[in-house]
Amino acid sequence: MIQSRIGSPSVRVDQHGIVQWVSADFAESYGWTPASLIGLPLTEVIPPEYHPAHQTGFSRFLATQVPHLLNERLRLPVLTADGTAAPSEVCIAAERDDDGWTFLASVNRIS
């Protein structure tokens, strides 16, 4: 599973964009508890102005299975639990199994 192959802090989501797992390092870095995010849409940690781009890219990948941003280091804001957008470096990996696609984002705050 990709979860064991990527550095932390990290967040794993299913092919529906629902958070399945949150590392303790992510929770600590961004002020969330894992339980507060698991089962919610990933958009909880994405600033609203990025939602359309996220949905477009996510849907395009699921439809075509052609990656455009996977395994690339991206500088994006990530929402903390208090709603602050923290500058971050994000790298997303994907893996397909019998249950569909799983995505794991390694997310590091930029000071």
PDB file of N, CA and C in Angstrom:
ATOM      1  N   MET A   1       0.845  -1.184   0.000  1.00  0.00           N
ATOM      2  CA  MET A   1       0.000   0.000   0.000  1.00  0.00           C
ATOM      3  C   MET A   1       0.890   1.248   0.000  1.00  0.00           C
ATOM      4  N   ILE A   2       0.452   2.287  -0.684  1.00  0.00           N
ATOM      5  CA  ILE A   2       1.246   3.502  -0.799  1.00  0.00           C
ATOM      6  C   ILE A   2       1.474   4.184   0.536  1.00  0.00           C
ATOM      7  N   GLN A   3       0.618   3.961   1.495  1.00  0.00           N
ATOM      8  CA  GLN A   3       0.759   4.602   2.800  1.00  0.00           C
ATOM      9  C   GLN A   3       2.127   4.319   3.409  1.00  0.00           C
ATOM     10  N   SER A   4       2.662   3.140   3.178  1.00  0.00           N
ATOM     11  CA  SER A   4       3.945   2.780   3.756  1.00  0.00           C
ATOM     12  C   SER A   4       5.120   3.268   2.919  1.00  0.00           C
ATOM     13  N   ARG A   5       4.854   3.833   1.740  1.00  0.00           N
ATOM     14  CA  ARG A   5       5.937   4.247   0.851  1.00  0.00           C
ATOM     15  C   ARG A   5       6.124   5.754   0.760  1.00  0.00           C
ATOM     16  N   ILE A   6       5.361   6.503   1.480  1.00  0.00           N
ATOM     17  CA  ILE A   6       5.442   7.952   1.351  1.00  0.00           C
ATOM     18  C   ILE A   6       5.714   8.559   2.716  1.00  0.00           C
ATOM     19  N   GLY A   7       6.447   9.659   2.721  1.00  0.00           N
ATOM     20  CA  GLY A   7       6.769  10.300   3.984  1.00  0.00           C
ATOM     21  C   GLY A   7       5.569  10.952   4.629  1.00  0.00           C
ATOM     22  N   SER A   8       5.738  11.300   5.874  1.00  0.00           N
ATOM     23  CA  SER A   8       4.658  11.974   6.591  1.00  0.00           C
ATOM     24  C   SER A   8       5.054  13.408   6.788  1.00  0.00           C
ATOM     25  N   PRO A   9       4.165  14.294   7.125  1.00  0.00           N
ATOM     26  CA  PRO A   9       2.732  14.164   7.387  1.00  0.00           C
ATOM     27  C   PRO A   9       1.960  13.807   6.107  1.00  0.00           C
ATOM     28  N   SER A  10       0.901  13.061   6.276  1.00  0.00           N
ATOM     29  CA  SER A  10       0.174  12.633   5.092  1.00  0.00           C
ATOM     30  C   SER A  10      -1.303  12.369   5.376  1.00  0.00           C
ATOM     31  N   VAL A  11      -2.061  12.366   4.263  1.00  0.00           N
ATOM     32  CA  VAL A  11      -3.508  12.136   4.287  1.00  0.00           C
ATOM     33  C   VAL A  11      -3.827  11.174   3.151  1.00  0.00           C
ATOM     34  N   ARG A  12      -4.670  10.179   3.433  1.00  0.00           N
ATOM     35  CA  ARG A  12      -5.083   9.230   2.401  1.00  0.00           C
ATOM     36  C   ARG A  12      -6.575   9.402   2.148  1.00  0.00           C
ATOM     37  N   VAL A  13      -6.954   9.431   0.870  1.00  0.00           N
ATOM     38  CA  VAL A  13      -8.368   9.530   0.491  1.00  0.00           C
ATOM     39  C   VAL A  13      -8.717   8.433  -0.501  1.00  0.00           C
ATOM     40  N   ASP A  14     -10.007   8.113  -0.564  1.00  0.00           N
ATOM     41  CA  ASP A  14     -10.469   7.119  -1.528  1.00  0.00           C
ATOM     42  C   ASP A  14     -10.820   7.806  -2.843  1.00  0.00           C
ATOM     43  N   GLN A  15     -11.309   7.029  -3.790  1.00  0.00           N
ATOM     44  CA  GLN A  15     -11.614   7.577  -5.116  1.00  0.00           C
ATOM     45  C   GLN A  15     -12.823   8.504  -5.127  1.00  0.00           C
ATOM     46  N   HIS A  16     -13.493   8.623  -4.003  1.00  0.00           N
ATOM     47  CA  HIS A  16     -14.600   9.561  -3.878  1.00  0.00           C
ATOM     48  C   HIS A  16     -14.157  10.854  -3.193  1.00  0.00           C
ATOM     49  N   GLY A  17     -12.862  10.938  -2.862  1.00  0.00           N
ATOM     50  CA  GLY A  17     -12.345  12.134  -2.214  1.00  0.00           C
ATOM     51  C   GLY A  17     -12.624  12.185  -0.722  1.00  0.00           C
ATOM     52  N   ILE A  18     -12.932  11.051  -0.117  1.00  0.00           N
ATOM     53  CA  ILE A  18     -13.237  10.984   1.310  1.00  0.00           C
ATOM     54  C   ILE A  18     -11.978  10.576   2.076  1.00  0.00           C
ATOM     55  N   VAL A  19     -11.676  11.311   3.135  1.00  0.00           N
ATOM     56  CA  VAL A  19     -10.494  11.033   3.942  1.00  0.00           C
ATOM     57  C   VAL A  19     -10.664   9.687   4.644  1.00  0.00           C
ATOM     58  N   GLN A  20      -9.673   8.810   4.447  1.00  0.00           N
ATOM     59  CA  GLN A  20      -9.688   7.477   5.041  1.00  0.00           C
ATOM     60  C   GLN A  20      -8.692   7.344   6.198  1.00  0.00           C
ATOM     61  N   TRP A  21      -7.653   8.158   6.172  1.00  0.00           N
ATOM     62  CA  TRP A  21      -6.581   8.042   7.161  1.00  0.00           C
ATOM     63  C   TRP A  21      -5.819   9.359   7.208  1.00  0.00           C
ATOM     64  N   VAL A  22      -5.366   9.726   8.391  1.00  0.00           N
ATOM     65  CA  VAL A  22      -4.589  10.944   8.604  1.00  0.00           C
ATOM     66  C   VAL A  22      -3.422  10.585   9.519  1.00  0.00           C
ATOM     67  N   SER A  23      -2.206  10.936   9.134  1.00  0.00           N
ATOM     68  CA  SER A  23      -1.066  10.642  10.003  1.00  0.00           C
ATOM     69  C   SER A  23      -1.077  11.564  11.215  1.00  0.00           C
ATOM     70  N   ALA A  24      -0.499  11.095  12.287  1.00  0.00           N
ATOM     71  CA  ALA A  24      -0.383  11.916  13.493  1.00  0.00           C
ATOM     72  C   ALA A  24       0.426  13.174  13.204  1.00  0.00           C
ATOM     73  N   ASP A  25       1.428  13.071  12.339  1.00  0.00           N
ATOM     74  CA  ASP A  25       2.251  14.238  11.983  1.00  0.00           C
ATOM     75  C   ASP A  25       1.428  15.297  11.258  1.00  0.00           C
ATOM     76  N   PHE A  26       0.536  14.874  10.359  1.00  0.00           N
ATOM     77  CA  PHE A  26      -0.324  15.835   9.680  1.00  0.00           C
ATOM     78  C   PHE A  26      -1.232  16.514  10.697  1.00  0.00           C
ATOM     79  N   ALA A  27      -1.862  15.707  11.533  1.00  0.00           N
ATOM     80  CA  ALA A  27      -2.785  16.247  12.541  1.00  0.00           C
ATOM     81  C   ALA A  27      -2.071  17.282  13.412  1.00  0.00           C
ATOM     82  N   GLU A  28      -0.882  16.961  13.870  1.00  0.00           N
ATOM     83  CA  GLU A  28      -0.135  17.883  14.721  1.00  0.00           C
ATOM     84  C   GLU A  28       0.286  19.142  13.969  1.00  0.00           C
ATOM     85  N   SER A  29       0.753  18.994  12.750  1.00  0.00           N
ATOM     86  CA  SER A  29       1.233  20.143  11.965  1.00  0.00           C
ATOM     87  C   SER A  29       0.135  21.128  11.604  1.00  0.00           C
ATOM     88  N   TYR A  30      -1.086  20.617  11.403  1.00  0.00           N
ATOM     89  CA  TYR A  30      -2.177  21.460  10.925  1.00  0.00           C
ATOM     90  C   TYR A  30      -3.297  21.661  11.945  1.00  0.00           C
ATOM     91  N   GLY A  31      -3.116  21.112  13.143  1.00  0.00           N
ATOM     92  CA  GLY A  31      -4.057  21.365  14.226  1.00  0.00           C
ATOM     93  C   GLY A  31      -5.334  20.539  14.217  1.00  0.00           C
ATOM     94  N   TRP A  32      -5.408  19.546  13.352  1.00  0.00           N
ATOM     95  CA  TRP A  32      -6.574  18.673  13.294  1.00  0.00           C
ATOM     96  C   TRP A  32      -6.346  17.459  14.186  1.00  0.00           C
ATOM     97  N   THR A  33      -7.407  16.736  14.486  1.00  0.00           N
ATOM     98  CA  THR A  33      -7.262  15.389  15.028  1.00  0.00           C
ATOM     99  C   THR A  33      -7.627  14.450  13.885  1.00  0.00           C
ATOM    100  N   PRO A  34      -7.015  13.275  13.817  1.00  0.00           N
ATOM    101  CA  PRO A  34      -7.408  12.353  12.748  1.00  0.00           C
ATOM    102  C   PRO A  34      -8.916  12.104  12.732  1.00  0.00           C
ATOM    103  N   ALA A  35      -9.505  11.914  13.900  1.00  0.00           N
ATOM    104  CA  ALA A  35     -10.946  11.628  13.963  1.00  0.00           C
ATOM    105  C   ALA A  35     -11.805  12.759  13.410  1.00  0.00           C
ATOM    106  N   SER A  36     -11.306  13.989  13.481  1.00  0.00           N
ATOM    107  CA  SER A  36     -12.097  15.118  12.984  1.00  0.00           C
ATOM    108  C   SER A  36     -12.131  15.181  11.457  1.00  0.00           C
ATOM    109  N   LEU A  37     -11.207  14.491  10.782  1.00  0.00           N
ATOM    110  CA  LEU A  37     -11.164  14.513   9.314  1.00  0.00           C
ATOM    111  C   LEU A  37     -11.623  13.218   8.657  1.00  0.00           C
ATOM    112  N   ILE A  38     -11.405  12.088   9.314  1.00  0.00           N
ATOM    113  CA  ILE A  38     -11.756  10.801   8.702  1.00  0.00           C
ATOM    114  C   ILE A  38     -13.260  10.751   8.429  1.00  0.00           C
ATOM    115  N   GLY A  39     -13.584  10.396   7.178  1.00  0.00           N
ATOM    116  CA  GLY A  39     -14.980  10.323   6.755  1.00  0.00           C
ATOM    117  C   GLY A  39     -15.488  11.591   6.093  1.00  0.00           C
ATOM    118  N   LEU A  40     -14.686  12.658   6.142  1.00  0.00           N
ATOM    119  CA  LEU A  40     -15.086  13.926   5.521  1.00  0.00           C
ATOM    120  C   LEU A  40     -14.424  14.077   4.149  1.00  0.00           C
ATOM    121  N   PRO A  41     -14.970  14.940   3.307  1.00  0.00           N
ATOM    122  CA  PRO A  41     -14.324  15.203   2.018  1.00  0.00           C
ATOM    123  C   PRO A  41     -12.965  15.878   2.223  1.00  0.00           C
ATOM    124  N   LEU A  42     -12.035  15.568   1.355  1.00  0.00           N
ATOM    125  CA  LEU A  42     -10.709  16.184   1.408  1.00  0.00           C
ATOM    126  C   LEU A  42     -10.800  17.701   1.322  1.00  0.00           C
ATOM    127  N   THR A  43     -11.856  18.203   0.723  1.00  0.00           N
ATOM    128  CA  THR A  43     -12.006  19.654   0.579  1.00  0.00           C
ATOM    129  C   THR A  43     -12.052  20.372   1.928  1.00  0.00           C
ATOM    130  N   GLU A  44     -12.183  19.646   3.030  1.00  0.00           N
ATOM    131  CA  GLU A  44     -12.118  20.260   4.362  1.00  0.00           C
ATOM    132  C   GLU A  44     -10.768  20.937   4.591  1.00  0.00           C
ATOM    133  N   VAL A  45      -9.716  20.446   3.940  1.00  0.00           N
ATOM    134  CA  VAL A  45      -8.381  21.020   4.141  1.00  0.00           C
ATOM    135  C   VAL A  45      -7.891  21.789   2.914  1.00  0.00           C
ATOM    136  N   ILE A  46      -8.781  21.968   1.950  1.00  0.00           N
ATOM    137  CA  ILE A  46      -8.452  22.722   0.730  1.00  0.00           C
ATOM    138  C   ILE A  46      -9.206  24.044   0.774  1.00  0.00           C
ATOM    139  N   PRO A  47      -8.501  25.178   0.620  1.00  0.00           N
ATOM    140  CA  PRO A  47      -9.209  26.463   0.606  1.00  0.00           C
ATOM    141  C   PRO A  47     -10.295  26.484  -0.480  1.00  0.00           C
ATOM    142  N   PRO A  48     -11.427  27.105  -0.182  1.00  0.00           N
ATOM    143  CA  PRO A  48     -12.563  27.099  -1.126  1.00  0.00           C
ATOM    144  C   PRO A  48     -12.221  27.550  -2.544  1.00  0.00           C
ATOM    145  N   GLU A  49     -11.332  28.523  -2.677  1.00  0.00           N
ATOM    146  CA  GLU A  49     -10.999  29.002  -4.023  1.00  0.00           C
ATOM    147  C   GLU A  49     -10.264  27.952  -4.861  1.00  0.00           C
ATOM    148  N   TYR A  50      -9.770  26.885  -4.221  1.00  0.00           N
ATOM    149  CA  TYR A  50      -9.089  25.799  -4.933  1.00  0.00           C
ATOM    150  C   TYR A  50     -10.017  24.616  -5.209  1.00  0.00           C
ATOM    151  N   HIS A  51     -11.229  24.634  -4.690  1.00  0.00           N
ATOM    152  CA  HIS A  51     -12.152  23.511  -4.879  1.00  0.00           C
ATOM    153  C   HIS A  51     -12.424  23.204  -6.347  1.00  0.00           C
ATOM    154  N   PRO A  52     -12.732  24.201  -7.194  1.00  0.00           N
ATOM    155  CA  PRO A  52     -13.008  23.866  -8.606  1.00  0.00           C
ATOM    156  C   PRO A  52     -11.824  23.195  -9.300  1.00  0.00           C
ATOM    157  N   ALA A  53     -10.626  23.696  -9.086  1.00  0.00           N
ATOM    158  CA  ALA A  53      -9.442  23.095  -9.721  1.00  0.00           C
ATOM    159  C   ALA A  53      -9.214  21.680  -9.197  1.00  0.00           C
ATOM    160  N   HIS A  54      -9.399  21.504  -7.891  1.00  0.00           N
ATOM    161  CA  HIS A  54      -9.243  20.171  -7.305  1.00  0.00           C
ATOM    162  C   HIS A  54     -10.249  19.201  -7.915  1.00  0.00           C
ATOM    163  N   GLN A  55     -11.504  19.598  -7.970  1.00  0.00           N
ATOM    164  CA  GLN A  55     -12.537  18.710  -8.502  1.00  0.00           C
ATOM    165  C   GLN A  55     -12.304  18.394  -9.971  1.00  0.00           C
ATOM    166  N   THR A  56     -11.887  19.389 -10.743  1.00  0.00           N
ATOM    167  CA  THR A  56     -11.602  19.165 -12.164  1.00  0.00           C
ATOM    168  C   THR A  56     -10.477  18.156 -12.342  1.00  0.00           C
ATOM    169  N   GLY A  57      -9.382  18.354 -11.630  1.00  0.00           N
ATOM    170  CA  GLY A  57      -8.240  17.452 -11.751  1.00  0.00           C
ATOM    171  C   GLY A  57      -8.557  16.047 -11.258  1.00  0.00           C
ATOM    172  N   PHE A  58      -9.252  15.956 -10.140  1.00  0.00           N
ATOM    173  CA  PHE A  58      -9.617  14.667  -9.566  1.00  0.00           C
ATOM    174  C   PHE A  58     -10.521  13.902 -10.539  1.00  0.00           C
ATOM    175  N   SER A  59     -11.547  14.565 -11.042  1.00  0.00           N
ATOM    176  CA  SER A  59     -12.481  13.935 -11.976  1.00  0.00           C
ATOM    177  C   SER A  59     -11.787  13.534 -13.274  1.00  0.00           C
ATOM    178  N   ARG A  60     -10.916  14.409 -13.779  1.00  0.00           N
ATOM    179  CA  ARG A  60     -10.203  14.112 -15.024  1.00  0.00           C
ATOM    180  C   ARG A  60      -9.347  12.859 -14.865  1.00  0.00           C
ATOM    181  N   PHE A  61      -8.635  12.755 -13.730  1.00  0.00           N
ATOM    182  CA  PHE A  61      -7.809  11.571 -13.521  1.00  0.00           C
ATOM    183  C   PHE A  61      -8.668  10.310 -13.457  1.00  0.00           C
ATOM    184  N   LEU A  62      -9.764  10.353 -12.715  1.00  0.00           N
ATOM    185  CA  LEU A  62     -10.618   9.168 -12.604  1.00  0.00           C
ATOM    186  C   LEU A  62     -11.208   8.768 -13.955  1.00  0.00           C
ATOM    187  N   ALA A  63     -11.515   9.736 -14.797  1.00  0.00           N
ATOM    188  CA  ALA A  63     -12.096   9.448 -16.107  1.00  0.00           C
ATOM    189  C   ALA A  63     -11.065   8.921 -17.108  1.00  0.00           C
ATOM    190  N   THR A  64      -9.849   9.467 -17.064  1.00  0.00           N
ATOM    191  CA  THR A  64      -8.843   9.132 -18.071  1.00  0.00           C
ATOM    192  C   THR A  64      -7.725   8.234 -17.545  1.00  0.00           C
ATOM    193  N   GLN A  65      -7.517   8.254 -16.239  1.00  0.00           N
ATOM    194  CA  GLN A  65      -6.404   7.576 -15.581  1.00  0.00           C
ATOM    195  C   GLN A  65      -5.053   8.049 -16.110  1.00  0.00           C
ATOM    196  N   VAL A  66      -5.056   9.267 -16.614  1.00  0.00           N
ATOM    197  CA  VAL A  66      -3.822   9.906 -17.067  1.00  0.00           C
ATOM    198  C   VAL A  66      -3.437  10.946 -16.014  1.00  0.00           C
ATOM    199  N   PRO A  67      -2.294  10.747 -15.359  1.00  0.00           N
ATOM    200  CA  PRO A  67      -1.898  11.704 -14.318  1.00  0.00           C
ATOM    201  C   PRO A  67      -1.315  12.985 -14.909  1.00  0.00           C
ATOM    202  N   HIS A  68      -1.654  14.105 -14.289  1.00  0.00           N
ATOM    203  CA  HIS A  68      -1.080  15.382 -14.689  1.00  0.00           C
ATOM    204  C   HIS A  68      -0.247  15.973 -13.558  1.00  0.00           C
ATOM    205  N   LEU A  69      -0.646  15.717 -12.328  1.00  0.00           N
ATOM    206  CA  LEU A  69       0.061  16.303 -11.185  1.00  0.00           C
ATOM    207  C   LEU A  69       0.532  15.267 -10.173  1.00  0.00           C
ATOM    208  N   LEU A  70       0.289  13.992 -10.425  1.00  0.00           N
ATOM    209  CA  LEU A  70       0.722  12.973  -9.483  1.00  0.00           C
ATOM    210  C   LEU A  70       2.245  12.915  -9.423  1.00  0.00           C
ATOM    211  N   ASN A  71       2.754  12.675  -8.227  1.00  0.00           N
ATOM    212  CA  ASN A  71       4.188  12.537  -7.978  1.00  0.00           C
ATOM    213  C   ASN A  71       4.977  13.803  -8.299  1.00  0.00           C
ATOM    214  N   GLU A  72       4.305  14.929  -8.337  1.00  0.00           N
ATOM    215  CA  GLU A  72       4.943  16.234  -8.531  1.00  0.00           C
ATOM    216  C   GLU A  72       4.893  16.998  -7.215  1.00  0.00           C
ATOM    217  N   ARG A  73       5.908  17.776  -6.929  1.00  0.00           N
ATOM    218  CA  ARG A  73       5.879  18.637  -5.749  1.00  0.00           C
ATOM    219  C   ARG A  73       5.130  19.910  -6.102  1.00  0.00           C
ATOM    220  N   LEU A  74       4.057  20.135  -5.379  1.00  0.00           N
ATOM    221  CA  LEU A  74       3.199  21.288  -5.640  1.00  0.00           C
ATOM    222  C   LEU A  74       3.204  22.198  -4.410  1.00  0.00           C
ATOM    223  N   ARG A  75       3.264  23.482  -4.631  1.00  0.00           N
ATOM    224  CA  ARG A  75       3.135  24.439  -3.527  1.00  0.00           C
ATOM    225  C   ARG A  75       1.691  24.903  -3.493  1.00  0.00           C
ATOM    226  N   LEU A  76       1.000  24.491  -2.426  1.00  0.00           N
ATOM    227  CA  LEU A  76      -0.420  24.784  -2.283  1.00  0.00           C
ATOM    228  C   LEU A  76      -0.729  25.141  -0.837  1.00  0.00           C
ATOM    229  N   PRO A  77      -1.738  25.967  -0.620  1.00  0.00           N
ATOM    230  CA  PRO A  77      -2.162  26.214   0.756  1.00  0.00           C
ATOM    231  C   PRO A  77      -3.007  25.039   1.263  1.00  0.00           C
ATOM    232  N   VAL A  78      -2.855  24.741   2.534  1.00  0.00           N
ATOM    233  CA  VAL A  78      -3.640  23.703   3.201  1.00  0.00           C
ATOM    234  C   VAL A  78      -4.280  24.343   4.423  1.00  0.00           C
ATOM    235  N   LEU A  79      -5.562  24.085   4.624  1.00  0.00           N
ATOM    236  CA  LEU A  79      -6.266  24.687   5.747  1.00  0.00           C
ATOM    237  C   LEU A  79      -5.917  23.999   7.063  1.00  0.00           C
ATOM    238  N   THR A  80      -5.633  24.814   8.050  1.00  0.00           N
ATOM    239  CA  THR A  80      -5.442  24.308   9.407  1.00  0.00           C
ATOM    240  C   THR A  80      -6.816  24.196  10.060  1.00  0.00           C
ATOM    241  N   ALA A  81      -6.860  23.600  11.228  1.00  0.00           N
ATOM    242  CA  ALA A  81      -8.130  23.420  11.929  1.00  0.00           C
ATOM    243  C   ALA A  81      -8.807  24.748  12.245  1.00  0.00           C
ATOM    244  N   ASP A  82      -8.021  25.819  12.412  1.00  0.00           N
ATOM    245  CA  ASP A  82      -8.624  27.125  12.717  1.00  0.00           C
ATOM    246  C   ASP A  82      -8.983  27.916  11.456  1.00  0.00           C
ATOM    247  N   GLY A  83      -8.830  27.297  10.282  1.00  0.00           N
ATOM    248  CA  GLY A  83      -9.212  27.938   9.029  1.00  0.00           C
ATOM    249  C   GLY A  83      -8.126  28.737   8.353  1.00  0.00           C
ATOM    250  N   THR A  84      -6.946  28.802   8.954  1.00  0.00           N
ATOM    251  CA  THR A  84      -5.822  29.511   8.348  1.00  0.00           C
ATOM    252  C   THR A  84      -5.266  28.686   7.189  1.00  0.00           C
ATOM    253  N   ALA A  85      -4.941  29.358   6.090  1.00  0.00           N
ATOM    254  CA  ALA A  85      -4.325  28.677   4.950  1.00  0.00           C
ATOM    255  C   ALA A  85      -2.812  28.683   5.151  1.00  0.00           C
ATOM    256  N   ALA A  86      -2.237  27.505   5.344  1.00  0.00           N
ATOM    257  CA  ALA A  86      -0.801  27.371   5.587  1.00  0.00           C
ATOM    258  C   ALA A  86      -0.089  27.001   4.294  1.00  0.00           C
ATOM    259  N   PRO A  87       0.916  27.786   3.884  1.00  0.00           N
ATOM    260  CA  PRO A  87       1.691  27.417   2.697  1.00  0.00           C
ATOM    261  C   PRO A  87       2.306  26.029   2.899  1.00  0.00           C
ATOM    262  N   SER A  88       2.177  25.176   1.892  1.00  0.00           N
ATOM    263  CA  SER A  88       2.611  23.793   2.039  1.00  0.00           C
ATOM    264  C   SER A  88       3.160  23.248   0.730  1.00  0.00           C
ATOM    265  N   GLU A  89       3.939  22.185   0.857  1.00  0.00           N
ATOM    266  CA  GLU A  89       4.385  21.421  -0.300  1.00  0.00           C
ATOM    267  C   GLU A  89       3.637  20.102  -0.261  1.00  0.00           C
ATOM    268  N   VAL A  90       2.985  19.776  -1.369  1.00  0.00           N
ATOM    269  CA  VAL A  90       2.123  18.595  -1.448  1.00  0.00           C
ATOM    270  C   VAL A  90       2.620  17.710  -2.589  1.00  0.00           C
ATOM    271  N   CYS A  91       2.721  16.423  -2.326  1.00  0.00           N
ATOM    272  CA  CYS A  91       3.061  15.446  -3.364  1.00  0.00           C
ATOM    273  C   CYS A  91       2.052  14.310  -3.249  1.00  0.00           C
ATOM    274  N   ILE A  92       1.357  14.024  -4.346  1.00  0.00           N
ATOM    275  CA  ILE A  92       0.264  13.053  -4.335  1.00  0.00           C
ATOM    276  C   ILE A  92       0.667  11.802  -5.106  1.00  0.00           C
ATOM    277  N   ALA A  93       0.425  10.654  -4.493  1.00  0.00           N
ATOM    278  CA  ALA A  93       0.638   9.358  -5.137  1.00  0.00           C
ATOM    279  C   ALA A  93      -0.714   8.671  -5.263  1.00  0.00           C
ATOM    280  N   ALA A  94      -0.837   7.789  -6.245  1.00  0.00           N
ATOM    281  CA  ALA A  94      -2.090   7.061  -6.456  1.00  0.00           C
ATOM    282  C   ALA A  94      -1.798   5.589  -6.651  1.00  0.00           C
ATOM    283  N   GLU A  95      -2.755   4.774  -6.211  1.00  0.00           N
ATOM    284  CA  GLU A  95      -2.627   3.328  -6.369  1.00  0.00           C
ATOM    285  C   GLU A  95      -4.014   2.750  -6.580  1.00  0.00           C
ATOM    286  N   ARG A  96      -4.096   1.790  -7.472  1.00  0.00           N
ATOM    287  CA  ARG A  96      -5.387   1.140  -7.739  1.00  0.00           C
ATOM    288  C   ARG A  96      -5.363  -0.282  -7.206  1.00  0.00           C
ATOM    289  N   ASP A  97      -6.445  -0.676  -6.550  1.00  0.00           N
ATOM    290  CA  ASP A  97      -6.596  -2.044  -6.074  1.00  0.00           C
ATOM    291  C   ASP A  97      -8.014  -2.509  -6.376  1.00  0.00           C
ATOM    292  N   ASP A  98      -8.425  -3.609  -5.783  1.00  0.00           N
ATOM    293  CA  ASP A  98      -9.763  -4.163  -6.057  1.00  0.00           C
ATOM    294  C   ASP A  98     -10.894  -3.225  -5.675  1.00  0.00           C
ATOM    295  N   ASP A  99     -10.637  -2.322  -4.721  1.00  0.00           N
ATOM    296  CA  ASP A  99     -11.667  -1.388  -4.266  1.00  0.00           C
ATOM    297  C   ASP A  99     -11.663  -0.075  -5.035  1.00  0.00           C
ATOM    298  N   GLY A 100     -10.744   0.096  -5.972  1.00  0.00           N
ATOM    299  CA  GLY A 100     -10.652   1.335  -6.742  1.00  0.00           C
ATOM    300  C   GLY A 100      -9.368   2.072  -6.439  1.00  0.00           C
ATOM    301  N   TRP A 101      -9.385   3.363  -6.640  1.00  0.00           N
ATOM    302  CA  TRP A 101      -8.202   4.202  -6.458  1.00  0.00           C
ATOM    303  C   TRP A 101      -8.074   4.694  -5.029  1.00  0.00           C
ATOM    304  N   THR A 102      -6.844   4.775  -4.580  1.00  0.00           N
ATOM    305  CA  THR A 102      -6.497   5.385  -3.309  1.00  0.00           C
ATOM    306  C   THR A 102      -5.447   6.447  -3.600  1.00  0.00           C
ATOM    307  N   PHE A 103      -5.573   7.588  -2.944  1.00  0.00           N
ATOM    308  CA  PHE A 103      -4.627   8.687  -3.129  1.00  0.00           C
ATOM    309  C   PHE A 103      -4.006   9.026  -1.786  1.00  0.00           C
ATOM    310  N   LEU A 104      -2.709   9.224  -1.779  1.00  0.00           N
ATOM    311  CA  LEU A 104      -2.018   9.593  -0.560  1.00  0.00           C
ATOM    312  C   LEU A 104      -1.202  10.850  -0.833  1.00  0.00           C
ATOM    313  N   ALA A 105      -1.476  11.862  -0.039  1.00  0.00           N
ATOM    314  CA  ALA A 105      -0.754  13.120  -0.187  1.00  0.00           C
ATOM    315  C   ALA A 105       0.218  13.286   0.968  1.00  0.00           C
ATOM    316  N   SER A 106       1.473  13.490   0.616  1.00  0.00           N
ATOM    317  CA  SER A 106       2.481  13.879   1.590  1.00  0.00           C
ATOM    318  C   SER A 106       2.416  15.401   1.645  1.00  0.00           C
ATOM    319  N   VAL A 107       2.238  15.952   2.844  1.00  0.00           N
ATOM    320  CA  VAL A 107       1.959  17.381   2.992  1.00  0.00           C
ATOM    321  C   VAL A 107       2.904  17.970   4.044  1.00  0.00           C
ATOM    322  N   ASN A 108       3.713  18.923   3.627  1.00  0.00           N
ATOM    323  CA  ASN A 108       4.663  19.537   4.538  1.00  0.00           C
ATOM    324  C   ASN A 108       4.491  21.053   4.549  1.00  0.00           C
ATOM    325  N   ARG A 109       4.370  21.597   5.752  1.00  0.00           N
ATOM    326  CA  ARG A 109       4.254  23.063   5.876  1.00  0.00           C
ATOM    327  C   ARG A 109       5.558  23.710   5.455  1.00  0.00           C
ATOM    328  N   ILE A 110       5.414  24.856   4.798  1.00  0.00           N
ATOM    329  CA  ILE A 110       6.567  25.651   4.401  1.00  0.00           C
ATOM    330  C   ILE A 110       6.647  26.838   5.351  1.00  0.00           C
ATOM    331  N   SER A 111       7.774  26.988   5.969  1.00  0.00           N
ATOM    332  CA  SER A 111       7.925  28.103   6.932  1.00  0.00           C
ATOM    333  C   SER A 111       8.135  29.410   6.225  1.00  0.00           C
TER     334      SER A 111
END
